[in-house]
């Protein structure tokens, strides 16, 4: 592999399916349902609300599927 090809490979976006499949393996059944089933959340969502989950790397955001 030439230098240009190596640089292009380094710049390529990672395959998101790798993280997704890893998260599926770690997910505990029912994770996060306490908020997704809460009446206040359901009412807010029915009116077009969006949920942004923020946290540090490794805090488990990806596992909340």
PDB file of N, CA and C in Angstrom:
ATOM      1  N   UNK A   1       0.852  -1.170   0.000  1.00  0.00           N
ATOM      2  CA  UNK A   1       0.000   0.000   0.000  1.00  0.00           C
ATOM      3  C   UNK A   1       0.898   1.234   0.000  1.00  0.00           C
ATOM      4  N   UNK A   2       0.587   2.166  -0.890  1.00  0.00           N
ATOM      5  CA  UNK A   2       1.379   3.379  -0.975  1.00  0.00           C
ATOM      6  C   UNK A   2       1.019   4.368   0.137  1.00  0.00           C
ATOM      7  N   UNK A   3       1.811   5.398   0.219  1.00  0.00           N
ATOM      8  CA  UNK A   3       1.611   6.410   1.261  1.00  0.00           C
ATOM      9  C   UNK A   3       0.257   7.104   1.138  1.00  0.00           C
ATOM     10  N   UNK A   4      -0.151   7.434  -0.073  1.00  0.00           N
ATOM     11  CA  UNK A   4      -1.439   8.106  -0.286  1.00  0.00           C
ATOM     12  C   UNK A   4      -2.587   7.196   0.133  1.00  0.00           C
ATOM     13  N   UNK A   5      -2.519   5.943  -0.239  1.00  0.00           N
ATOM     14  CA  UNK A   5      -3.567   4.998   0.142  1.00  0.00           C
ATOM     15  C   UNK A   5      -3.625   4.826   1.656  1.00  0.00           C
ATOM     16  N   UNK A   6      -2.472   4.790   2.298  1.00  0.00           N
ATOM     17  CA  UNK A   6      -2.425   4.653   3.758  1.00  0.00           C
ATOM     18  C   UNK A   6      -3.063   5.859   4.434  1.00  0.00           C
ATOM     19  N   UNK A   7      -2.813   7.041   3.891  1.00  0.00           N
ATOM     20  CA  UNK A   7      -3.412   8.262   4.461  1.00  0.00           C
ATOM     21  C   UNK A   7      -4.917   8.247   4.256  1.00  0.00           C
ATOM     22  N   UNK A   8      -5.361   7.868   3.072  1.00  0.00           N
ATOM     23  CA  UNK A   8      -6.811   7.794   2.805  1.00  0.00           C
ATOM     24  C   UNK A   8      -7.488   6.793   3.738  1.00  0.00           C
ATOM     25  N   UNK A   9      -6.855   5.657   3.951  1.00  0.00           N
ATOM     26  CA  UNK A   9      -7.419   4.646   4.858  1.00  0.00           C
ATOM     27  C   UNK A   9      -7.498   5.193   6.273  1.00  0.00           C
ATOM     28  N   UNK A  10      -6.484   5.936   6.691  1.00  0.00           N
ATOM     29  CA  UNK A  10      -6.463   6.511   8.038  1.00  0.00           C
ATOM     30  C   UNK A  10      -7.592   7.521   8.210  1.00  0.00           C
ATOM     31  N   UNK A  11      -7.920   8.275   7.136  1.00  0.00           N
ATOM     32  CA  UNK A  11      -8.975   9.284   7.184  1.00  0.00           C
ATOM     33  C   UNK A  11     -10.383   8.695   7.062  1.00  0.00           C
ATOM     34  N   UNK A  12     -10.505   7.473   6.613  1.00  0.00           N
ATOM     35  CA  UNK A  12     -11.835   6.867   6.441  1.00  0.00           C
ATOM     36  C   UNK A  12     -12.615   6.869   7.754  1.00  0.00           C
ATOM     37  N   UNK A  13     -13.912   7.083   7.619  1.00  0.00           N
ATOM     38  CA  UNK A  13     -14.787   7.033   8.790  1.00  0.00           C
ATOM     39  C   UNK A  13     -14.846   5.602   9.313  1.00  0.00           C
ATOM     40  N   UNK A  14     -14.937   5.433  10.629  1.00  0.00           N
ATOM     41  CA  UNK A  14     -15.038   4.080  11.177  1.00  0.00           C
ATOM     42  C   UNK A  14     -16.383   3.456  10.815  1.00  0.00           C
ATOM     43  N   UNK A  15     -16.417   2.161  10.818  1.00  0.00           N
ATOM     44  CA  UNK A  15     -17.653   1.425  10.529  1.00  0.00           C
ATOM     45  C   UNK A  15     -18.542   1.472  11.770  1.00  0.00           C
ATOM     46  N   UNK A  16     -19.688   2.180  11.732  1.00  0.00           N
ATOM     47  CA  UNK A  16     -20.538   2.303  12.917  1.00  0.00           C
ATOM     48  C   UNK A  16     -21.176   0.987  13.358  1.00  0.00           C
ATOM     49  N   UNK A  17     -21.254   0.015  12.451  1.00  0.00           N
ATOM     50  CA  UNK A  17     -21.876  -1.258  12.820  1.00  0.00           C
ATOM     51  C   UNK A  17     -21.046  -1.998  13.869  1.00  0.00           C
ATOM     52  N   UNK A  18     -19.754  -1.751  13.911  1.00  0.00           N
ATOM     53  CA  UNK A  18     -18.897  -2.391  14.912  1.00  0.00           C
ATOM     54  C   UNK A  18     -19.319  -1.973  16.314  1.00  0.00           C
ATOM     55  N   UNK A  19     -19.459  -0.662  16.539  1.00  0.00           N
ATOM     56  CA  UNK A  19     -19.893  -0.171  17.849  1.00  0.00           C
ATOM     57  C   UNK A  19     -21.325  -0.588  18.151  1.00  0.00           C
ATOM     58  N   UNK A  20     -22.188  -0.549  17.142  1.00  0.00           N
ATOM     59  CA  UNK A  20     -23.585  -0.915  17.346  1.00  0.00           C
ATOM     60  C   UNK A  20     -23.712  -2.367  17.794  1.00  0.00           C
ATOM     61  N   UNK A  21     -23.013  -3.269  17.095  1.00  0.00           N
ATOM     62  CA  UNK A  21     -23.082  -4.688  17.449  1.00  0.00           C
ATOM     63  C   UNK A  21     -22.480  -4.955  18.827  1.00  0.00           C
ATOM     64  N   UNK A  22     -21.427  -4.237  19.160  1.00  0.00           N
ATOM     65  CA  UNK A  22     -20.824  -4.366  20.487  1.00  0.00           C
ATOM     66  C   UNK A  22     -21.799  -3.902  21.565  1.00  0.00           C
ATOM     67  N   UNK A  23     -22.505  -2.810  21.298  1.00  0.00           N
ATOM     68  CA  UNK A  23     -23.480  -2.290  22.257  1.00  0.00           C
ATOM     69  C   UNK A  23     -24.640  -3.273  22.446  1.00  0.00           C
ATOM     70  N   UNK A  24     -25.070  -3.902  21.373  1.00  0.00           N
ATOM     71  CA  UNK A  24     -26.158  -4.882  21.482  1.00  0.00           C
ATOM     72  C   UNK A  24     -25.777  -6.026  22.409  1.00  0.00           C
ATOM     73  N   UNK A  25     -24.521  -6.438  22.339  1.00  0.00           N
ATOM     74  CA  UNK A  25     -24.052  -7.535  23.193  1.00  0.00           C
ATOM     75  C   UNK A  25     -24.021  -7.138  24.670  1.00  0.00           C
ATOM     76  N   UNK A  26     -23.837  -5.851  24.968  1.00  0.00           N
ATOM     77  CA  UNK A  26     -23.712  -5.376  26.344  1.00  0.00           C
ATOM     78  C   UNK A  26     -25.033  -4.931  26.949  1.00  0.00           C
ATOM     79  N   UNK A  27     -26.039  -4.754  26.140  1.00  0.00           N
ATOM     80  CA  UNK A  27     -27.306  -4.186  26.579  1.00  0.00           C
ATOM     81  C   UNK A  27     -28.040  -5.136  27.523  1.00  0.00           C
ATOM     82  N   UNK A  28     -28.523  -4.564  28.610  1.00  0.00           N
ATOM     83  CA  UNK A  28     -29.362  -5.320  29.535  1.00  0.00           C
ATOM     84  C   UNK A  28     -30.819  -5.052  29.176  1.00  0.00           C
ATOM     85  N   UNK A  29     -31.616  -6.070  29.147  1.00  0.00           N
ATOM     86  CA  UNK A  29     -33.028  -5.929  28.804  1.00  0.00           C
ATOM     87  C   UNK A  29     -33.693  -4.903  29.708  1.00  0.00           C
ATOM     88  N   UNK A  30     -34.449  -3.999  29.115  1.00  0.00           N
ATOM     89  CA  UNK A  30     -35.166  -2.993  29.882  1.00  0.00           C
ATOM     90  C   UNK A  30     -34.367  -1.738  30.199  1.00  0.00           C
ATOM     91  N   UNK A  31     -33.119  -1.668  29.714  1.00  0.00           N
ATOM     92  CA  UNK A  31     -32.287  -0.507  29.980  1.00  0.00           C
ATOM     93  C   UNK A  31     -32.956   0.764  29.461  1.00  0.00           C
ATOM     94  N   UNK A  32     -33.113   1.739  30.321  1.00  0.00           N
ATOM     95  CA  UNK A  32     -33.658   3.035  29.928  1.00  0.00           C
ATOM     96  C   UNK A  32     -35.165   3.098  29.794  1.00  0.00           C
ATOM     97  N   UNK A  33     -35.861   1.991  30.015  1.00  0.00           N
ATOM     98  CA  UNK A  33     -37.311   2.019  29.845  1.00  0.00           C
ATOM     99  C   UNK A  33     -38.009   2.883  30.883  1.00  0.00           C
ATOM    100  N   UNK A  34     -37.361   3.109  32.028  1.00  0.00           N
ATOM    101  CA  UNK A  34     -37.988   3.927  33.058  1.00  0.00           C
ATOM    102  C   UNK A  34     -38.284   5.332  32.540  1.00  0.00           C
ATOM    103  N   UNK A  35     -37.435   5.868  31.678  1.00  0.00           N
ATOM    104  CA  UNK A  35     -37.719   7.199  31.135  1.00  0.00           C
ATOM    105  C   UNK A  35     -38.601   7.118  29.897  1.00  0.00           C
ATOM    106  N   UNK A  36     -38.399   6.110  29.069  1.00  0.00           N
ATOM    107  CA  UNK A  36     -39.165   6.001  27.831  1.00  0.00           C
ATOM    108  C   UNK A  36     -40.635   5.678  28.070  1.00  0.00           C
ATOM    109  N   UNK A  37     -40.967   5.153  29.253  1.00  0.00           N
ATOM    110  CA  UNK A  37     -42.356   4.830  29.595  1.00  0.00           C
ATOM    111  C   UNK A  37     -42.972   5.839  30.565  1.00  0.00           C
ATOM    112  N   UNK A  38     -42.209   6.828  30.982  1.00  0.00           N
ATOM    113  CA  UNK A  38     -42.695   7.819  31.943  1.00  0.00           C
ATOM    114  C   UNK A  38     -43.744   8.712  31.267  1.00  0.00           C
ATOM    115  N   UNK A  39     -44.900   8.947  31.935  1.00  0.00           N
ATOM    116  CA  UNK A  39     -45.977   9.749  31.336  1.00  0.00           C
ATOM    117  C   UNK A  39     -45.533  11.140  30.873  1.00  0.00           C
ATOM    118  N   UNK A  40     -44.670  11.790  31.631  1.00  0.00           N
ATOM    119  CA  UNK A  40     -44.207  13.123  31.240  1.00  0.00           C
ATOM    120  C   UNK A  40     -43.431  13.065  29.937  1.00  0.00           C
ATOM    121  N   UNK A  41     -42.557  12.054  29.812  1.00  0.00           N
ATOM    122  CA  UNK A  41     -41.792  11.887  28.579  1.00  0.00           C
ATOM    123  C   UNK A  41     -42.719  11.566  27.416  1.00  0.00           C
ATOM    124  N   UNK A  42     -43.674  10.680  27.604  1.00  0.00           N
ATOM    125  CA  UNK A  42     -44.584  10.290  26.528  1.00  0.00           C
ATOM    126  C   UNK A  42     -45.405  11.479  26.037  1.00  0.00           C
ATOM    127  N   UNK A  43     -45.852  12.326  26.943  1.00  0.00           N
ATOM    128  CA  UNK A  43     -46.617  13.517  26.548  1.00  0.00           C
ATOM    129  C   UNK A  43     -45.728  14.478  25.761  1.00  0.00           C
ATOM    130  N   UNK A  44     -44.529  14.699  26.261  1.00  0.00           N
ATOM    131  CA  UNK A  44     -43.588  15.591  25.606  1.00  0.00           C
ATOM    132  C   UNK A  44     -43.239  15.078  24.202  1.00  0.00           C
ATOM    133  N   UNK A  45     -43.019  13.764  24.080  1.00  0.00           N
ATOM    134  CA  UNK A  45     -42.679  13.162  22.796  1.00  0.00           C
ATOM    135  C   UNK A  45     -43.841  13.264  21.810  1.00  0.00           C
ATOM    136  N   UNK A  46     -45.067  13.128  22.308  1.00  0.00           N
ATOM    137  CA  UNK A  46     -46.245  13.210  21.451  1.00  0.00           C
ATOM    138  C   UNK A  46     -46.373  14.588  20.805  1.00  0.00           C
ATOM    139  N   UNK A  47     -45.766  15.582  21.414  1.00  0.00           N
ATOM    140  CA  UNK A  47     -45.816  16.938  20.878  1.00  0.00           C
ATOM    141  C   UNK A  47     -44.556  17.276  20.075  1.00  0.00           C
ATOM    142  N   UNK A  48     -43.814  16.266  19.653  1.00  0.00           N
ATOM    143  CA  UNK A  48     -42.665  16.464  18.774  1.00  0.00           C
ATOM    144  C   UNK A  48     -41.348  16.692  19.485  1.00  0.00           C
ATOM    145  N   UNK A  49     -41.280  16.414  20.782  1.00  0.00           N
ATOM    146  CA  UNK A  49     -40.038  16.618  21.520  1.00  0.00           C
ATOM    147  C   UNK A  49     -38.927  15.695  21.048  1.00  0.00           C
ATOM    148  N   UNK A  50     -37.711  16.137  21.267  1.00  0.00           N
ATOM    149  CA  UNK A  50     -36.535  15.326  20.928  1.00  0.00           C
ATOM    150  C   UNK A  50     -35.709  15.144  22.187  1.00  0.00           C
ATOM    151  N   UNK A  51     -35.016  14.023  22.243  1.00  0.00           N
ATOM    152  CA  UNK A  51     -34.205  13.695  23.412  1.00  0.00           C
ATOM    153  C   UNK A  51     -32.739  13.677  23.025  1.00  0.00           C
ATOM    154  N   UNK A  52     -31.944  14.468  23.728  1.00  0.00           N
ATOM    155  CA  UNK A  52     -30.494  14.485  23.519  1.00  0.00           C
ATOM    156  C   UNK A  52     -29.870  13.920  24.779  1.00  0.00           C
ATOM    157  N   UNK A  53     -29.158  12.822  24.630  1.00  0.00           N
ATOM    158  CA  UNK A  53     -28.494  12.201  25.775  1.00  0.00           C
ATOM    159  C   UNK A  53     -27.020  12.565  25.701  1.00  0.00           C
ATOM    160  N   UNK A  54     -26.556  13.257  26.719  1.00  0.00           N
ATOM    161  CA  UNK A  54     -25.172  13.713  26.751  1.00  0.00           C
ATOM    162  C   UNK A  54     -24.449  13.032  27.896  1.00  0.00           C
ATOM    163  N   UNK A  55     -23.233  12.662  27.673  1.00  0.00           N
ATOM    164  CA  UNK A  55     -22.435  12.043  28.717  1.00  0.00           C
ATOM    165  C   UNK A  55     -21.020  11.810  28.248  1.00  0.00           C
ATOM    166  N   UNK A  56     -20.171  11.471  29.183  1.00  0.00           N
ATOM    167  CA  UNK A  56     -18.773  11.217  28.871  1.00  0.00           C
ATOM    168  C   UNK A  56     -18.626   9.932  28.054  1.00  0.00           C
ATOM    169  N   UNK A  57     -17.518   9.816  27.373  1.00  0.00           N
ATOM    170  CA  UNK A  57     -17.206   8.608  26.617  1.00  0.00           C
ATOM    171  C   UNK A  57     -17.196   7.420  27.599  1.00  0.00           C
ATOM    172  N   UNK A  58     -17.890   6.354  27.212  1.00  0.00           N
ATOM    173  CA  UNK A  58     -17.902   5.150  28.047  1.00  0.00           C
ATOM    174  C   UNK A  58     -18.964   5.152  29.124  1.00  0.00           C
ATOM    175  N   UNK A  59     -19.854   6.156  29.119  1.00  0.00           N
ATOM    176  CA  UNK A  59     -20.863   6.221  30.174  1.00  0.00           C
ATOM    177  C   UNK A  59     -22.106   5.390  29.881  1.00  0.00           C
ATOM    178  N   UNK A  60     -22.171   4.787  28.694  1.00  0.00           N
ATOM    179  CA  UNK A  60     -23.272   3.868  28.386  1.00  0.00           C
ATOM    180  C   UNK A  60     -24.347   4.424  27.468  1.00  0.00           C
ATOM    181  N   UNK A  61     -24.117   5.560  26.850  1.00  0.00           N
ATOM    182  CA  UNK A  61     -25.134   6.159  25.970  1.00  0.00           C
ATOM    183  C   UNK A  61     -25.494   5.234  24.807  1.00  0.00           C
ATOM    184  N   UNK A  62     -24.506   4.622  24.209  1.00  0.00           N
ATOM    185  CA  UNK A  62     -24.743   3.772  23.039  1.00  0.00           C
ATOM    186  C   UNK A  62     -25.579   2.556  23.396  1.00  0.00           C
ATOM    187  N   UNK A  63     -25.490   2.113  24.622  1.00  0.00           N
ATOM    188  CA  UNK A  63     -26.199   0.903  25.029  1.00  0.00           C
ATOM    189  C   UNK A  63     -27.685   1.177  25.263  1.00  0.00           C
ATOM    190  N   UNK A  64     -28.074   2.431  25.370  1.00  0.00           N
ATOM    191  CA  UNK A  64     -29.478   2.792  25.550  1.00  0.00           C
ATOM    192  C   UNK A  64     -30.192   2.786  24.204  1.00  0.00           C
ATOM    193  N   UNK A  65     -30.478   1.606  23.704  1.00  0.00           N
ATOM    194  CA  UNK A  65     -31.096   1.484  22.385  1.00  0.00           C
ATOM    195  C   UNK A  65     -32.587   1.473  22.465  1.00  0.00           C
TER     196      UNK A  65
END
